Amino acid sequence: MLTPYDVPANKLIEKLAKYLKDNVDKVAPPAWASLAKTGSHVEKQPQNPDWWYVRAASLMRKIYIHGPVGIEKLRAEYGGSSGPGRRPEHAAKAGGSNIRKAMQQLANAELIETAKTRGRVVTKKGRKLLQELADEIGKELIKDVPELDKYQKGE
């Protein structure tokens, strides 16, 4: 069985975002999501209308891979460089509100939980969901490229 470590991140995030949008009612963009920027280092709000689900899926994958992880580390991960102009560029963290709200929604859906004083971790239900989606993606990849079958069998 393949895990989220074994499949391409973009395919897993895309599939998980679709799953969250269609099946998890507790994960939904707040009213301000269409107007908000994701950080001080960007000029405009996201152009993808489903960016909230993509961000929630990406957060869930990052928590699975790097967990336990806190909001400040995730803000640094999603940040970028600020100050295009004459002065040197500096690192800028992403906005914390959208990360915090998405994590609260994932926690209400029982997909992640707070580990005492260490940050957030993925629950059993969340791990099962991620592993099932990764296994589906792996089977789709094997249909496209049959040589990848040897990696699934552990040879």
Protein backbone atom coordinates (compact mmCIF):
# COMPACT_ATOMS: atom_id res chain seq x y z
CA MET A 1 0.00 0.00 0.00
CA LEU A 2 1.33 3.39 -0.98
CA THR A 3 1.48 6.29 1.46
CA PRO A 4 1.42 10.08 0.94
CA TYR A 5 5.23 9.96 0.97
CA ASP A 6 5.23 7.83 -2.20
CA VAL A 7 2.94 9.80 -4.52
CA PRO A 8 3.41 13.23 -6.15
CA ALA A 9 2.27 15.99 -3.81
CA ASN A 10 0.33 17.94 -6.43
CA LYS A 11 -1.81 14.92 -7.35
CA LEU A 12 -2.52 14.11 -3.70
CA ILE A 13 -3.42 17.72 -2.86
CA GLU A 14 -5.68 18.00 -5.91
CA LYS A 15 -7.54 14.79 -5.08
CA LEU A 16 -7.79 15.63 -1.36
CA ALA A 17 -9.11 19.13 -2.12
CA LYS A 18 -11.83 17.64 -4.32
CA TYR A 19 -12.68 15.15 -1.58
CA LEU A 20 -12.88 17.89 1.07
CA LYS A 21 -15.10 20.03 -1.15
CA ASP A 22 -17.50 17.21 -2.02
CA ASN A 23 -17.64 15.15 1.19
CA VAL A 24 -16.62 17.20 4.25
CA ASP A 25 -19.23 19.81 5.15
CA LYS A 26 -17.21 21.26 8.04
CA VAL A 27 -14.49 22.49 5.68
CA ALA A 28 -15.86 25.49 3.81
CA PRO A 29 -14.44 28.91 2.96
CA PRO A 30 -15.52 31.71 5.29
CA ALA A 31 -17.29 34.78 3.90
CA TRP A 32 -14.05 36.80 3.75
CA ALA A 33 -12.07 34.15 1.82
CA SER A 34 -12.84 35.60 -1.61
CA LEU A 35 -11.42 38.99 -0.57
CA ALA A 36 -8.40 37.97 1.49
CA LYS A 37 -4.77 37.81 0.42
CA THR A 38 -2.75 34.88 1.69
CA GLY A 39 0.04 37.08 3.04
CA SER A 40 1.75 40.44 2.90
CA HIS A 41 4.17 39.19 0.25
CA VAL A 42 1.45 38.74 -2.43
CA GLU A 43 -0.28 41.49 -4.36
CA LYS A 44 -3.69 39.91 -5.06
CA GLN A 45 -6.02 37.37 -3.58
CA PRO A 46 -5.87 33.82 -5.03
CA GLN A 47 -7.42 33.45 -8.49
CA ASN A 48 -8.57 29.85 -7.99
CA PRO A 49 -12.17 29.89 -6.69
CA ASP A 50 -11.49 26.67 -4.73
CA TRP A 51 -8.25 27.92 -3.14
CA TRP A 52 -9.59 27.33 0.37
CA TYR A 53 -9.95 23.59 -0.21
CA VAL A 54 -6.53 23.42 -1.87
CA ARG A 55 -4.96 25.21 1.11
CA ALA A 56 -6.74 22.89 3.59
CA ALA A 57 -5.59 19.84 1.65
CA SER A 58 -2.04 21.17 1.48
CA LEU A 59 -2.07 21.87 5.22
CA MET A 60 -3.27 18.36 5.94
CA ARG A 61 -0.51 16.85 3.81
CA LYS A 62 2.16 19.06 5.42
CA ILE A 63 0.94 18.11 8.89
CA TYR A 64 1.08 14.43 7.90
CA ILE A 65 4.60 14.70 6.48
CA HIS A 66 6.16 17.13 9.01
CA GLY A 67 3.87 16.80 12.05
CA PRO A 68 3.58 17.72 14.80
CA VAL A 69 3.78 21.23 13.42
CA GLY A 70 2.51 24.61 14.61
CA ILE A 71 1.01 27.63 12.92
CA GLU A 72 4.19 29.72 12.95
CA LYS A 73 6.17 27.06 11.08
CA LEU A 74 3.35 26.73 8.56
CA ARG A 75 3.26 30.53 8.13
CA ALA A 76 6.97 30.39 7.27
CA GLU A 77 6.38 27.48 4.85
CA TYR A 78 3.65 29.31 2.94
CA GLY A 79 5.46 32.65 3.05
CA GLY A 80 7.64 34.17 0.38
CA SER A 81 9.88 37.09 -0.35
CA SER A 82 8.67 40.66 0.04
CA GLY A 83 9.90 43.98 -1.21
CA PRO A 84 10.30 43.89 -4.97
CA GLY A 85 11.94 47.19 -5.69
CA ARG A 86 15.16 48.95 -4.88
CA ARG A 87 15.71 47.52 -1.43
CA PRO A 88 16.87 43.92 -0.90
CA GLU A 89 14.13 41.33 -0.54
CA HIS A 90 13.40 39.78 2.83
CA ALA A 91 11.43 36.75 3.95
CA ALA A 92 7.78 37.38 4.77
CA LYS A 93 5.51 34.96 6.54
CA ALA A 94 2.10 34.07 5.16
CA GLY A 95 -1.03 35.32 6.86
CA GLY A 96 -1.93 33.31 9.92
CA SER A 97 -5.69 33.74 9.84
CA ASN A 98 -6.39 31.58 6.81
CA ILE A 99 -4.05 28.85 8.08
CA ARG A 100 -5.57 28.97 11.56
CA LYS A 101 -9.19 28.89 10.31
CA ALA A 102 -8.50 26.03 7.90
CA MET A 103 -6.81 24.06 10.68
CA GLN A 104 -9.77 24.71 12.99
CA GLN A 105 -12.13 23.41 10.31
CA LEU A 106 -9.98 20.30 9.78
CA ALA A 107 -9.98 19.76 13.56
CA ASN A 108 -13.79 20.08 13.69
CA ALA A 109 -13.98 17.47 10.92
CA GLU A 110 -11.74 15.26 13.13
CA LEU A 111 -9.00 15.01 10.51
CA ILE A 112 -6.30 16.69 12.63
CA GLU A 113 -5.89 17.26 16.35
CA THR A 114 -3.72 19.25 18.72
CA ALA A 115 -0.78 17.43 20.26
CA LYS A 116 -0.05 18.84 23.71
CA THR A 117 2.31 21.82 23.37
CA ARG A 118 3.82 20.43 20.16
CA GLY A 119 1.44 21.54 17.40
CA ARG A 120 -1.03 19.67 15.22
CA VAL A 121 -0.97 16.03 14.12
CA VAL A 122 -3.19 14.02 11.78
CA THR A 123 -5.77 11.77 13.46
CA LYS A 124 -6.35 8.10 12.61
CA LYS A 125 -9.31 9.09 10.45
CA GLY A 126 -7.15 11.64 8.60
CA ARG A 127 -4.27 9.17 8.12
CA LYS A 128 -6.67 6.58 6.73
CA LEU A 129 -8.11 9.12 4.28
CA LEU A 130 -4.67 10.25 3.10
CA GLN A 131 -3.43 6.68 2.68
CA GLU A 132 -6.53 5.62 0.74
CA LEU A 133 -6.19 8.58 -1.61
CA ALA A 134 -2.47 7.92 -2.04
CA ASP A 135 -3.22 4.28 -2.86
CA GLU A 136 -5.79 5.35 -5.49
CA ILE A 137 -3.29 7.77 -7.02
CA GLY A 138 -0.64 5.04 -7.05
CA LYS A 139 -2.96 2.69 -8.92
CA GLU A 140 -3.74 5.43 -11.46
CA LEU A 141 -0.01 6.05 -11.95
CA ILE A 142 0.63 2.33 -12.43
CA LYS A 143 -2.02 2.24 -15.17
CA ASP A 144 -0.17 5.06 -16.95
CA VAL A 145 3.35 3.74 -16.29
CA PRO A 146 3.34 -0.06 -15.68
CA GLU A 147 7.02 -0.06 -14.64
CA LEU A 148 6.03 1.58 -11.34
CA ASP A 149 4.29 -1.63 -10.22
CA LYS A 150 7.51 -2.98 -8.72
CA TYR A 151 7.56 -0.12 -6.17
CA GLN A 152 4.09 -0.91 -4.89
CA LYS A 153 4.98 -4.56 -4.24
CA GLY A 154 8.10 -3.55 -2.29
CA GLU A 155 10.62 -5.41 -4.46
